[in-house]
């Protein structure tokens, strides 16, 4: 049986007692640590009353002791190490003191480790105002039963927390740490601080500008440099911005006012970031997401592009899985060259391919009617399309919510639930596929990027190359290399074929072939591996000199 502290000196005479105090709590959402301090104050009072010298204090704040805890309990580990390794002075008996058993442990594994350390060093264990000697069978049994009760209580708390988290998720409430661009609102419920919503803060505009810059053709690297140059755009955790953190930020659909729950996005209680609440803003978000998940963007090394057509052009001989990559100059190769990544069976001097493609793209944009029809065939119906889809999604969600409510409501007069489980399951089976289809339809809608709209609405050559200042107008800078690549990626598929003769000094008609958006041969998503029947267009031997590509061939030498 355990000892009462006031009789401990009678049961174990002729020794001095020294105490190791331990305190822990699993919820410090108020950030004060009062609970742990109160536990230690209670322990200090107990030690002072009975003349136990306090040797050391250990405390773990805002850390769970159950098996579901994610944070390490550093001070609990330090307590075990101190008990096992710190020698006890002669004539001294050591006591580990805590407010209750659940402060030490909420799972049996931690209890067994603490018990083993105490038994090996003859250390006493004190909690709930009682002292246990673990060398005694009955005390080991009593503490084991308390450990089982503490573990069971933790499992009950975990189950209740899961139920609360599930309920909050269904209501669209925020969960976890506050994300960049939002600040949380809290209320104190039953003495604990509870999150009740979140609102956009001063960092919100930086999220919108990240998306706008990426949508305009800038790379993650250039956005990173911009963010690092803005002190007010600093991350919440103090770490510098990196490409990975930018990618994760701009692809987080919480900024659209959505909450992820069980693999599905539902409407959240918070509003979208300003600028993303409109159909056009939502379309921009999904455009950027599509761009960042495009496998073609992961082919080059590094984030700074150096070459216009590297990994954009395709090899017409090997198929659309084979790209053209830049080859540096060597003793034999005097000019920078682009060659097939698969077999290097096709190659061309870089500046020849660049000039040809740029000229063809600018000519395509010069035909405003054709280019606009290919890029923005339904741009005037953007808001109508998105609004109608969102209205249908809301109707499906409301119908399911009403059915589930009826299935949980018991009709006292009829003696049954207002909607049977079988009827609810049938409704869910019919409605949920339709709901998911409409959600995917809304996600696929991306609209037209502002970079392409500039090329459509202004003089394409002035946008592409810039315009010097004049008396009437200021200078206009041309597109950056990364923006030019973005335009080409979105409007043209470029394929290179072999020359008919080795060492030809002129670019043969049909050797470079472009397929623009809306035309046969245009590929908006590149292949990642060879196809069973490679997608190929006729090479120069079969090409007609009367085609648009063939007639645009330059009179320069080919490699």
Protein backbone atom coordinates (compact mmCIF):
# COMPACT_ATOMS: atom_id res chain seq x y z
CA UNK A 1 0.00 0.00 0.00
CA UNK A 2 1.24 3.56 -0.61
CA UNK A 3 2.60 5.71 2.19
CA UNK A 4 1.16 8.99 3.40
CA UNK A 5 3.89 11.66 3.08
CA UNK A 6 3.60 12.68 6.74
CA UNK A 7 4.53 9.16 7.89
CA UNK A 8 7.28 8.53 5.34
CA UNK A 9 10.08 9.40 7.79
CA UNK A 10 8.69 6.80 10.21
CA UNK A 11 8.41 4.04 7.60
CA UNK A 12 11.84 4.79 6.11
CA UNK A 13 13.89 6.20 9.01
CA UNK A 14 17.40 7.63 9.13
CA UNK A 15 17.44 9.00 5.57
CA UNK A 16 16.98 12.42 4.00
CA UNK A 17 14.60 12.79 1.06
CA UNK A 18 15.21 14.78 -2.09
CA UNK A 19 12.56 15.45 -4.72
CA UNK A 20 12.47 15.59 -8.50
CA UNK A 21 9.41 17.62 -9.51
CA UNK A 22 7.63 16.99 -12.79
CA UNK A 23 4.74 18.90 -14.39
CA UNK A 24 3.03 18.54 -17.76
CA UNK A 25 -0.03 19.68 -19.65
CA UNK A 26 -1.25 18.83 -23.14
CA UNK A 27 -3.10 22.05 -23.97
CA UNK A 28 -1.54 25.46 -23.55
CA UNK A 29 -3.55 27.29 -26.20
CA UNK A 30 -3.60 30.42 -24.02
CA UNK A 31 0.21 30.41 -24.10
CA UNK A 32 0.58 31.05 -20.35
CA UNK A 33 1.79 27.71 -18.98
CA UNK A 34 -0.31 28.33 -15.84
CA UNK A 35 -1.41 24.71 -15.51
CA UNK A 36 2.15 23.37 -15.32
CA UNK A 37 3.23 26.14 -12.96
CA UNK A 38 0.27 25.34 -10.69
CA UNK A 39 1.29 21.67 -10.64
CA UNK A 40 4.85 22.56 -9.69
CA UNK A 41 3.62 24.99 -7.00
CA UNK A 42 1.56 22.17 -5.49
CA UNK A 43 4.66 19.95 -5.54
CA UNK A 44 6.80 22.64 -3.92
CA UNK A 45 4.24 23.09 -1.15
CA UNK A 46 4.21 19.33 -0.51
CA UNK A 47 8.02 19.19 -0.37
CA UNK A 48 8.30 22.21 1.95
CA UNK A 49 5.69 20.77 4.29
CA UNK A 50 7.54 17.48 4.71
CA UNK A 51 11.11 18.70 4.49
CA UNK A 52 11.98 17.18 1.11
CA UNK A 53 14.77 19.06 -0.60
CA UNK A 54 13.96 19.85 -4.24
CA UNK A 55 16.90 18.73 -6.36
CA UNK A 56 15.53 19.48 -9.86
CA UNK A 57 12.34 20.49 -11.68
CA UNK A 58 11.15 19.18 -15.03
CA UNK A 59 8.19 20.41 -17.07
CA UNK A 60 6.66 19.67 -20.48
CA UNK A 61 4.24 22.38 -21.63
CA UNK A 62 1.62 21.87 -24.35
CA UNK A 63 2.70 18.24 -24.92
CA UNK A 64 0.50 15.17 -24.89
CA UNK A 65 1.56 12.07 -22.94
CA UNK A 66 -0.65 9.67 -24.90
CA UNK A 67 0.36 7.47 -27.81
CA UNK A 68 -1.30 10.00 -30.13
CA UNK A 69 1.10 12.79 -29.13
CA UNK A 70 3.35 14.16 -31.88
CA UNK A 71 5.78 16.29 -29.89
CA UNK A 72 8.69 14.72 -27.98
CA UNK A 73 8.51 14.97 -24.20
CA UNK A 74 12.01 16.30 -23.70
CA UNK A 75 11.76 16.92 -19.95
CA UNK A 76 10.16 13.53 -19.26
CA UNK A 77 13.11 11.93 -21.05
CA UNK A 78 15.44 14.14 -19.01
CA UNK A 79 13.70 12.97 -15.81
CA UNK A 80 14.27 9.32 -16.75
CA UNK A 81 17.91 10.03 -17.58
CA UNK A 82 18.42 11.86 -14.27
CA UNK A 83 16.88 8.99 -12.28
CA UNK A 84 18.96 6.35 -14.09
CA UNK A 85 22.31 8.11 -14.33
CA UNK A 86 22.59 10.78 -11.62
CA UNK A 87 24.10 9.15 -8.49
CA UNK A 88 22.17 9.52 -5.21
CA UNK A 89 24.25 10.92 -2.30
CA UNK A 90 24.79 8.56 0.69
CA UNK A 91 21.97 8.63 3.20
CA UNK A 92 19.54 10.15 0.69
CA UNK A 93 16.37 8.61 -0.81
CA UNK A 94 15.02 10.16 -4.00
CA UNK A 95 11.32 10.81 -4.75
CA UNK A 96 9.79 11.70 -8.14
CA UNK A 97 6.83 14.01 -7.47
CA UNK A 98 3.92 14.90 -9.78
CA UNK A 99 0.38 16.15 -9.26
CA UNK A 100 -1.29 12.97 -10.56
CA UNK A 101 -0.41 9.80 -12.48
CA UNK A 102 -1.63 11.17 -15.83
CA UNK A 103 1.01 13.92 -15.62
CA UNK A 104 3.71 11.25 -15.90
CA UNK A 105 2.08 9.02 -18.50
CA UNK A 106 -1.06 8.36 -20.52
CA UNK A 107 0.20 5.16 -22.13
CA UNK A 108 1.52 1.99 -20.56
CA UNK A 109 4.86 2.08 -22.35
CA UNK A 110 5.87 5.32 -20.61
CA UNK A 111 4.71 3.88 -17.27
CA UNK A 112 6.82 0.76 -17.71
CA UNK A 113 9.90 2.85 -18.53
CA UNK A 114 9.44 5.09 -15.48
CA UNK A 115 8.77 2.09 -13.23
CA UNK A 116 11.92 0.33 -14.47
CA UNK A 117 14.05 3.42 -13.81
CA UNK A 118 12.60 3.84 -10.28
CA UNK A 119 13.03 0.16 -9.42
CA UNK A 120 16.64 0.10 -10.65
CA UNK A 121 17.63 3.10 -8.52
CA UNK A 122 15.31 2.56 -5.51
CA UNK A 123 13.50 5.83 -6.31
CA UNK A 124 10.07 6.45 -4.80
CA UNK A 125 7.13 7.64 -6.89
CA UNK A 126 4.72 10.27 -5.58
CA UNK A 127 1.42 11.48 -7.03
CA UNK A 128 -2.08 12.29 -5.73
CA UNK A 129 -0.44 13.05 -2.38
CA UNK A 130 0.70 9.44 -1.92
CA UNK A 131 4.15 7.83 -2.04
CA UNK A 132 4.66 4.49 -3.80
CA UNK A 133 7.60 2.13 -3.28
CA UNK A 134 7.86 0.18 -6.55
CA UNK A 135 9.98 -2.52 -4.97
CA UNK A 136 6.70 -3.66 -3.32
CA UNK A 137 4.31 -5.88 -5.27
CA UNK A 138 1.12 -4.13 -4.11
CA UNK A 139 2.50 -0.70 -5.06
CA UNK A 140 3.46 -1.91 -8.51
CA UNK A 141 -0.09 -3.26 -8.92
CA UNK A 142 -1.66 0.00 -7.73
CA UNK A 143 0.44 2.19 -9.99
CA UNK A 144 -0.18 -0.13 -12.95
CA UNK A 145 -3.94 0.18 -12.42
CA UNK A 146 -3.60 3.97 -12.28
CA UNK A 147 -1.58 3.85 -15.52
CA UNK A 148 -4.31 1.80 -17.22
CA UNK A 149 -6.93 4.29 -16.07
CA UNK A 150 -4.83 7.23 -17.35
CA UNK A 151 -4.36 5.54 -20.72
CA UNK A 152 -8.08 4.79 -21.01
CA UNK A 153 -8.92 8.39 -20.16
CA UNK A 154 -6.55 9.55 -22.92
CA UNK A 155 -8.24 7.28 -25.45
CA UNK A 156 -11.61 8.75 -24.45
CA UNK A 157 -10.27 12.28 -24.85
CA UNK A 158 -8.84 11.35 -28.26
CA UNK A 159 -12.20 9.95 -29.41
CA UNK A 160 -13.99 13.11 -28.26
CA UNK A 161 -11.42 15.30 -30.00
CA UNK A 162 -11.87 13.34 -33.24
CA UNK A 163 -15.62 13.77 -33.01
CA UNK A 164 -15.24 17.52 -32.39
CA UNK A 165 -12.70 17.88 -35.22
CA UNK A 166 -14.99 16.01 -37.60
CA UNK A 167 -17.94 18.20 -36.63
CA UNK A 168 -15.89 21.39 -37.06
CA UNK A 169 -14.61 20.19 -40.43
CA UNK A 170 -18.14 19.55 -41.68
CA UNK A 171 -19.01 23.09 -40.56
CA UNK A 172 -16.01 24.44 -42.49
CA UNK A 173 -14.11 25.62 -39.41
CA UNK A 174 -10.31 26.12 -39.57
CA UNK A 175 -8.02 23.48 -38.09
CA UNK A 176 -4.34 23.32 -37.25
CA UNK A 177 -1.96 26.25 -37.42
CA UNK A 178 -3.03 29.54 -38.98
CA UNK A 179 -1.91 29.77 -42.59
CA UNK A 180 0.03 32.63 -44.12
CA UNK A 181 -2.26 35.55 -45.00
CA UNK A 182 -4.88 34.87 -42.33
CA UNK A 183 -5.19 35.67 -38.65
CA UNK A 184 -7.29 33.52 -36.33
CA UNK A 185 -10.13 34.66 -34.10
CA UNK A 186 -10.51 32.89 -30.75
CA UNK A 187 -13.03 32.60 -27.93
CA UNK A 188 -12.50 31.07 -24.49
CA UNK A 189 -14.75 28.02 -24.08
CA UNK A 190 -14.74 26.19 -20.72
CA UNK A 191 -11.48 27.88 -19.79
CA UNK A 192 -9.74 26.93 -23.05
CA UNK A 193 -9.02 29.09 -26.05
CA UNK A 194 -10.89 27.79 -29.08
CA UNK A 195 -10.57 28.93 -32.69
CA UNK A 196 -13.86 30.26 -34.07
CA UNK A 197 -12.77 31.58 -37.49
CA UNK A 198 -10.09 33.41 -39.43
CA UNK A 199 -9.85 36.65 -41.38
CA UNK A 200 -7.43 37.98 -43.97
CA UNK A 201 -4.53 39.97 -42.52
CA UNK A 202 -1.90 42.31 -43.97
CA UNK A 203 -0.08 39.40 -45.66
CA UNK A 204 -3.11 38.45 -47.74
CA UNK A 205 -2.22 40.80 -50.64
CA UNK A 206 1.18 39.08 -50.93
CA UNK A 207 -0.59 35.75 -51.57
CA UNK A 208 -2.58 37.35 -54.38
CA UNK A 209 0.53 38.93 -55.88
CA UNK A 210 2.41 35.62 -55.77
CA UNK A 211 -0.37 34.11 -57.87
CA UNK A 212 -0.47 37.08 -60.23
CA UNK A 213 3.29 36.97 -60.81
CA UNK A 214 3.28 33.24 -61.50
CA UNK A 215 0.27 33.66 -63.76
CA UNK A 216 2.17 36.35 -65.68
CA UNK A 217 4.98 33.91 -66.47
CA UNK A 218 7.46 34.57 -63.67
CA UNK A 219 9.32 31.62 -62.15
CA UNK A 220 9.26 30.45 -58.56
CA UNK A 221 12.84 31.72 -58.27
CA UNK A 222 11.95 35.27 -59.25
CA UNK A 223 8.94 35.27 -56.91
CA UNK A 224 11.24 34.06 -54.11
CA UNK A 225 13.65 36.95 -54.67
CA UNK A 226 10.78 39.43 -54.66
CA UNK A 227 9.36 38.05 -51.39
CA UNK A 228 12.75 38.10 -49.70
CA UNK A 229 13.16 41.75 -50.66
CA UNK A 230 9.87 42.64 -48.92
CA UNK A 231 10.27 42.71 -45.11
CA UNK A 232 6.50 42.83 -44.59
CA UNK A 233 6.09 39.60 -46.58
CA UNK A 234 8.11 37.54 -44.07
CA UNK A 235 6.82 34.05 -43.26
CA UNK A 236 5.05 33.39 -39.96
CA UNK A 237 7.68 30.87 -38.82
CA UNK A 238 10.58 33.24 -39.53
CA UNK A 239 12.16 30.98 -42.15
CA UNK A 240 13.16 32.59 -45.47
CA UNK A 241 10.94 31.98 -48.47
CA UNK A 242 11.95 29.05 -50.68
CA UNK A 243 10.49 27.70 -53.91
CA UNK A 244 8.88 24.79 -52.07
CA UNK A 245 7.13 27.01 -49.53
CA UNK A 246 5.90 29.33 -52.30
CA UNK A 247 4.55 26.37 -54.27
CA UNK A 248 2.73 25.01 -51.20
CA UNK A 249 1.28 28.44 -50.46
CA UNK A 250 -0.12 29.26 -53.89
CA UNK A 251 -1.61 25.77 -54.32
CA UNK A 252 -3.44 25.81 -50.97
CA UNK A 253 -7.17 25.98 -51.69
CA UNK A 254 -7.82 27.46 -48.26
CA UNK A 255 -7.20 30.78 -50.01
CA UNK A 256 -10.33 30.10 -52.08
CA UNK A 257 -12.34 29.80 -48.86
CA UNK A 258 -12.36 25.99 -48.95
CA UNK A 259 -11.63 23.39 -46.30
CA UNK A 260 -10.17 19.94 -47.02
CA UNK A 261 -11.99 17.15 -45.21
CA UNK A 262 -11.60 13.43 -45.96
CA UNK A 263 -10.20 14.09 -49.39
CA UNK A 264 -12.92 16.53 -50.42
CA UNK A 265 -13.01 20.33 -50.44
CA UNK A 266 -16.02 21.94 -48.81
CA UNK A 267 -17.02 25.56 -48.34
CA UNK A 268 -15.29 27.09 -45.31
CA UNK A 269 -16.52 29.74 -42.88
CA UNK A 270 -13.76 32.15 -43.86
CA UNK A 271 -13.78 34.31 -46.97
CA UNK A 272 -11.33 33.82 -49.86
CA UNK A 273 -8.32 36.10 -50.14
CA UNK A 274 -9.41 39.37 -51.76
CA UNK A 275 -9.01 39.00 -55.49
CA UNK A 276 -9.79 35.27 -55.44
CA UNK A 277 -13.47 35.63 -54.57
CA UNK A 278 -14.43 36.34 -58.20
CA UNK A 279 -14.74 33.75 -61.00
CA UNK A 280 -11.72 35.35 -62.70
CA UNK A 281 -9.65 35.11 -59.49
CA UNK A 282 -10.62 31.49 -59.00
CA UNK A 283 -9.71 30.75 -62.61
CA UNK A 284 -6.29 32.35 -62.07
CA UNK A 285 -5.72 30.14 -59.00
CA UNK A 286 -6.38 26.96 -60.99
CA UNK A 287 -4.27 28.25 -63.90
CA UNK A 288 -1.29 28.61 -61.58
CA UNK A 289 -1.98 25.19 -60.01
CA UNK A 290 -2.10 23.60 -63.45
CA UNK A 291 1.14 25.33 -64.41
CA UNK A 292 3.01 24.22 -61.28
CA UNK A 293 1.88 20.61 -61.66
CA UNK A 294 2.77 20.46 -65.36
CA UNK A 295 5.41 17.69 -65.72
CA UNK A 296 7.10 19.65 -68.51
CA UNK A 297 8.22 22.24 -65.96
CA UNK A 298 10.25 19.70 -63.99
CA UNK A 299 12.53 18.70 -66.86
CA UNK A 300 15.12 21.45 -66.68
CA UNK A 301 17.60 21.76 -63.82
CA UNK A 302 17.44 24.76 -61.53
CA UNK A 303 14.85 27.53 -61.43
CA UNK A 304 16.55 30.07 -63.68
CA UNK A 305 15.83 29.44 -67.35
CA UNK A 306 18.72 30.20 -69.69
CA UNK A 307 17.47 29.05 -73.10
CA UNK A 308 14.26 29.80 -74.94
CA UNK A 309 13.50 26.37 -76.40
CA UNK A 310 15.35 23.95 -74.15
CA UNK A 311 12.88 21.18 -73.13
CA UNK A 312 10.07 22.98 -74.96
CA UNK A 313 10.86 21.66 -78.44
CA UNK A 314 10.12 18.02 -79.30
CA UNK A 315 11.96 15.56 -81.53
CA UNK A 316 9.78 14.73 -84.53
CA UNK A 317 11.81 11.61 -85.28
CA UNK A 318 11.63 9.90 -81.87
CA UNK A 319 8.14 11.00 -80.80
CA UNK A 320 6.63 13.49 -78.41
CA UNK A 321 8.26 11.98 -75.33
CA UNK A 322 11.70 13.10 -76.61
CA UNK A 323 12.62 16.74 -76.05
CA UNK A 324 15.28 19.07 -77.32
CA UNK A 325 17.87 20.10 -74.78
CA UNK A 326 20.73 22.56 -74.83
CA UNK A 327 24.24 21.30 -75.59
CA UNK A 328 27.16 23.46 -74.58
CA UNK A 329 29.85 24.39 -77.10
CA UNK A 330 32.89 22.12 -77.42
CA UNK A 331 35.96 21.96 -79.61
CA UNK A 332 33.95 20.29 -82.40
CA UNK A 333 30.69 22.13 -81.74
CA UNK A 334 31.31 25.85 -82.24
CA UNK A 335 27.71 27.06 -81.85
CA UNK A 336 25.27 26.45 -79.00
CA UNK A 337 22.98 23.65 -80.13
CA UNK A 338 19.69 21.99 -79.22
CA UNK A 339 19.56 18.20 -79.67
CA UNK A 340 17.17 15.31 -79.01
CA UNK A 341 17.39 13.94 -75.46
CA UNK A 342 16.52 10.42 -76.61
CA UNK A 343 19.06 9.58 -79.35
CA UNK A 344 20.57 12.94 -80.34
CA UNK A 345 19.56 12.04 -83.88
CA UNK A 346 18.27 15.57 -84.52
CA UNK A 347 20.04 18.81 -83.66
CA UNK A 348 19.98 22.44 -84.70
CA UNK A 349 21.88 25.62 -83.93
CA UNK A 350 20.04 27.29 -81.07
CA UNK A 351 19.65 30.80 -82.52
CA UNK A 352 18.14 29.39 -85.74
CA UNK A 353 15.39 27.54 -83.89
CA UNK A 354 14.75 30.51 -81.58
CA UNK A 355 14.41 32.98 -84.45
CA UNK A 356 12.13 30.66 -86.43
CA UNK A 357 9.81 29.96 -83.49
CA UNK A 358 9.64 33.60 -82.37
CA UNK A 359 8.76 34.74 -85.88
CA UNK A 360 6.06 32.06 -86.23
CA UNK A 361 4.51 32.82 -82.82
CA UNK A 362 4.38 36.57 -83.48
CA UNK A 363 2.80 35.94 -86.89
CA UNK A 364 0.17 33.70 -85.28
CA UNK A 365 -0.72 36.36 -82.71
CA UNK A 366 -0.92 38.96 -85.47
CA UNK A 367 -4.00 37.16 -86.79
CA UNK A 368 -6.09 38.47 -83.89
CA UNK A 369 -9.34 36.82 -84.87
CA UNK A 370 -7.86 33.35 -85.22
CA UNK A 371 -5.72 33.62 -82.07
CA UNK A 372 -8.60 34.92 -79.93
CA UNK A 373 -10.92 32.18 -81.15
CA UNK A 374 -8.33 29.54 -80.18
CA UNK A 375 -7.45 30.97 -76.76
CA UNK A 376 -10.61 32.60 -75.44
CA UNK A 377 -13.54 31.00 -77.26
CA UNK A 378 -15.84 31.43 -74.27
CA UNK A 379 -14.17 34.17 -72.25
CA UNK A 380 -17.32 36.29 -72.35
CA UNK A 381 -19.15 33.49 -70.50
CA UNK A 382 -16.61 33.09 -67.68
CA UNK A 383 -18.79 34.38 -64.88
CA UNK A 384 -21.92 32.70 -66.23
CA UNK A 385 -20.20 29.30 -66.45
CA UNK A 386 -18.61 29.44 -63.00
CA UNK A 387 -21.71 30.85 -61.30
CA UNK A 388 -23.98 28.18 -62.78
CA UNK A 389 -21.60 25.38 -61.76
CA UNK A 390 -21.21 26.74 -58.23
CA UNK A 391 -25.01 27.10 -57.90
CA UNK A 392 -25.44 23.45 -58.82
CA UNK A 393 -22.75 22.39 -56.33
CA UNK A 394 -24.48 24.36 -53.56
CA UNK A 395 -27.82 22.72 -54.41
CA UNK A 396 -26.35 19.21 -54.26
CA UNK A 397 -24.62 19.97 -50.93
CA UNK A 398 -27.81 21.42 -49.40
CA UNK A 399 -29.82 18.40 -50.57
CA UNK A 400 -27.37 15.96 -48.98
CA UNK A 401 -27.17 17.99 -45.75
CA UNK A 402 -30.97 18.03 -45.46
CA UNK A 403 -31.19 14.29 -46.09
CA UNK A 404 -28.55 13.53 -43.45
CA UNK A 405 -30.35 15.76 -40.96
CA UNK A 406 -33.60 13.90 -41.56
CA UNK A 407 -31.79 10.56 -41.15
CA UNK A 408 -30.62 11.69 -37.68
CA UNK A 409 -34.02 13.11 -36.58
CA UNK A 410 -36.31 10.68 -34.74
CA UNK A 411 -40.05 11.04 -35.32
CA UNK A 412 -41.66 10.33 -31.92
CA UNK A 413 -45.16 9.88 -33.34
CA UNK A 414 -44.13 7.50 -36.13
CA UNK A 415 -41.58 5.74 -33.93
CA UNK A 416 -38.81 5.85 -36.52
CA UNK A 417 -36.28 8.21 -38.09
CA UNK A 418 -37.70 10.64 -40.62
CA UNK A 419 -35.47 9.16 -43.34
CA UNK A 420 -34.28 5.57 -43.32
CA UNK A 421 -30.63 4.63 -43.61
CA UNK A 422 -31.34 2.77 -46.85
CA UNK A 423 -33.00 5.85 -48.38
CA UNK A 424 -30.08 8.04 -47.29
CA UNK A 425 -27.56 5.63 -48.77
CA UNK A 426 -29.49 5.60 -52.05
CA UNK A 427 -29.52 9.41 -52.21
CA UNK A 428 -25.81 9.59 -51.47
CA UNK A 429 -25.07 7.02 -54.16
CA UNK A 430 -26.99 9.09 -56.72
CA UNK A 431 -25.96 12.61 -55.71
CA UNK A 432 -22.32 12.32 -54.63
CA UNK A 433 -20.99 11.28 -58.10
CA UNK A 434 -22.82 14.24 -59.64
CA UNK A 435 -21.45 16.55 -56.95
CA UNK A 436 -17.90 15.35 -57.50
CA UNK A 437 -18.26 15.76 -61.27
CA UNK A 438 -19.36 19.39 -60.86
CA UNK A 439 -16.50 20.08 -58.44
CA UNK A 440 -14.00 18.71 -60.95
CA UNK A 441 -15.62 20.77 -63.69
CA UNK A 442 -15.11 23.90 -61.61
CA UNK A 443 -11.48 22.96 -60.95
CA UNK A 444 -10.74 22.41 -64.65
CA UNK A 445 -11.95 25.88 -65.55
CA UNK A 446 -8.80 28.02 -65.78
CA UNK A 447 -9.61 30.83 -68.22
CA UNK A 448 -6.90 32.72 -70.12
CA UNK A 449 -3.74 34.05 -68.49
CA UNK A 450 -3.10 37.84 -68.50
CA UNK A 451 0.16 37.24 -70.37
CA UNK A 452 -1.68 35.72 -73.35
CA UNK A 453 -4.33 38.44 -73.17
CA UNK A 454 -1.59 41.06 -73.51
CA UNK A 455 -0.33 39.37 -76.64
CA UNK A 456 -3.91 39.34 -77.98
CA UNK A 457 -4.94 42.87 -77.03
CA UNK A 458 -1.74 44.74 -77.89
CA UNK A 459 0.78 44.71 -80.71
CA UNK A 460 2.43 41.28 -80.21
CA UNK A 461 5.86 42.42 -81.41
CA UNK A 462 5.87 45.38 -78.98
CA UNK A 463 4.85 43.12 -76.12
CA UNK A 464 7.43 40.47 -77.07
CA UNK A 465 10.45 42.70 -77.76
CA UNK A 466 9.48 45.89 -75.94
CA UNK A 467 9.26 49.41 -77.29
CA UNK A 468 11.71 52.33 -76.90
CA UNK A 469 10.54 55.59 -75.40
CA UNK A 470 9.26 58.36 -77.64
CA UNK A 471 7.98 61.88 -77.10
CA UNK A 472 4.41 60.61 -76.87
CA UNK A 473 4.92 57.32 -74.98
CA UNK A 474 7.21 55.92 -72.29
CA UNK A 475 9.39 52.88 -72.95
CA UNK A 476 7.81 49.44 -72.60
CA UNK A 477 10.09 46.55 -71.54
CA UNK A 478 9.86 43.32 -73.49
CA UNK A 479 8.97 39.96 -72.03
CA UNK A 480 11.52 38.15 -69.92
CA UNK A 481 12.90 34.84 -71.15
CA UNK A 482 10.67 32.91 -68.74
CA UNK A 483 7.59 34.81 -69.98
CA UNK A 484 8.45 34.07 -73.61
CA UNK A 485 8.72 30.38 -72.75
CA UNK A 486 5.33 30.59 -71.05
CA UNK A 487 3.72 32.03 -74.18
CA UNK A 488 5.26 29.36 -76.44
CA UNK A 489 4.29 26.55 -74.05
CA UNK A 490 0.65 27.66 -74.12
CA UNK A 491 0.16 28.30 -77.83
CA UNK A 492 2.52 26.12 -79.86
CA UNK A 493 4.03 22.64 -80.05
CA UNK A 494 7.40 22.73 -81.80
CA UNK A 495 8.86 19.64 -83.48
CA UNK A 496 12.27 19.27 -85.12
CA UNK A 497 13.04 16.73 -87.87
CA UNK A 498 16.26 15.56 -89.52
CA UNK A 499 17.71 17.40 -92.51
CA UNK A 500 17.58 15.51 -95.80
CA UNK A 501 21.33 16.02 -96.34
CA UNK A 502 24.14 16.21 -93.82
CA UNK A 503 25.76 19.62 -93.47
CA UNK A 504 22.98 21.54 -95.22
CA UNK A 505 23.64 25.27 -94.92
CA UNK A 506 20.03 26.34 -95.24
CA UNK A 507 17.04 25.55 -93.07
CA UNK A 508 15.00 23.16 -95.16
CA UNK A 509 11.25 23.71 -95.54
CA UNK A 510 9.30 21.58 -93.07
CA UNK A 511 12.27 20.72 -90.87
CA UNK A 512 10.80 22.80 -88.04
CA UNK A 513 7.05 22.32 -87.73
CA UNK A 514 4.72 24.20 -85.40
CA UNK A 515 1.23 23.12 -84.40
CA UNK A 516 -0.70 25.90 -82.70
CA UNK A 517 -3.47 25.52 -80.14
CA UNK A 518 -6.62 24.23 -81.78
CA UNK A 519 -4.70 22.63 -84.67
CA UNK A 520 -3.90 18.94 -85.24
CA UNK A 521 -0.60 18.05 -83.59
CA UNK A 522 -0.84 20.56 -80.72
CA UNK A 523 -0.09 18.88 -77.43
CA UNK A 524 -1.01 20.76 -74.25
CA UNK A 525 0.52 18.04 -72.05
CA UNK A 526 3.80 16.33 -73.02
CA UNK A 527 4.34 12.61 -72.84
CA UNK A 528 6.49 11.27 -70.00
CA UNK A 529 7.45 7.99 -71.75
CA UNK A 530 7.51 6.56 -75.26
CA UNK A 531 4.06 5.81 -76.62
CA UNK A 532 3.30 2.46 -78.23
CA UNK A 533 2.61 4.35 -81.45
CA UNK A 534 4.68 7.55 -81.22
CA UNK A 535 2.85 10.72 -82.19
CA UNK A 536 4.75 12.01 -85.23
CA UNK A 537 4.05 14.42 -88.01
CA UNK A 538 5.50 13.96 -91.51
CA UNK A 539 9.17 14.92 -91.75
CA UNK A 540 10.71 17.24 -94.32
CA UNK A 541 10.76 14.52 -97.01
CA UNK A 542 6.96 14.48 -97.01
CA UNK A 543 6.37 18.14 -96.14
CA UNK A 544 5.05 20.48 -98.72
CA UNK A 545 6.83 23.76 -99.28
CA UNK A 546 3.40 25.36 -99.54
CA UNK A 547 2.58 24.82 -95.82
CA UNK A 548 2.73 27.75 -93.43
CA UNK A 549 5.72 26.23 -91.65
CA UNK A 550 7.57 25.31 -94.82
CA UNK A 551 7.05 28.69 -96.43
CA UNK A 552 8.50 30.38 -93.33
CA UNK A 553 11.81 28.52 -93.45
CA UNK A 554 14.79 30.82 -93.07
CA UNK A 555 17.82 30.91 -95.35
CA UNK A 556 20.29 30.05 -92.61
CA UNK A 557 22.55 27.02 -92.21
CA UNK A 558 21.42 24.00 -90.23
CA UNK A 559 23.59 21.91 -87.94
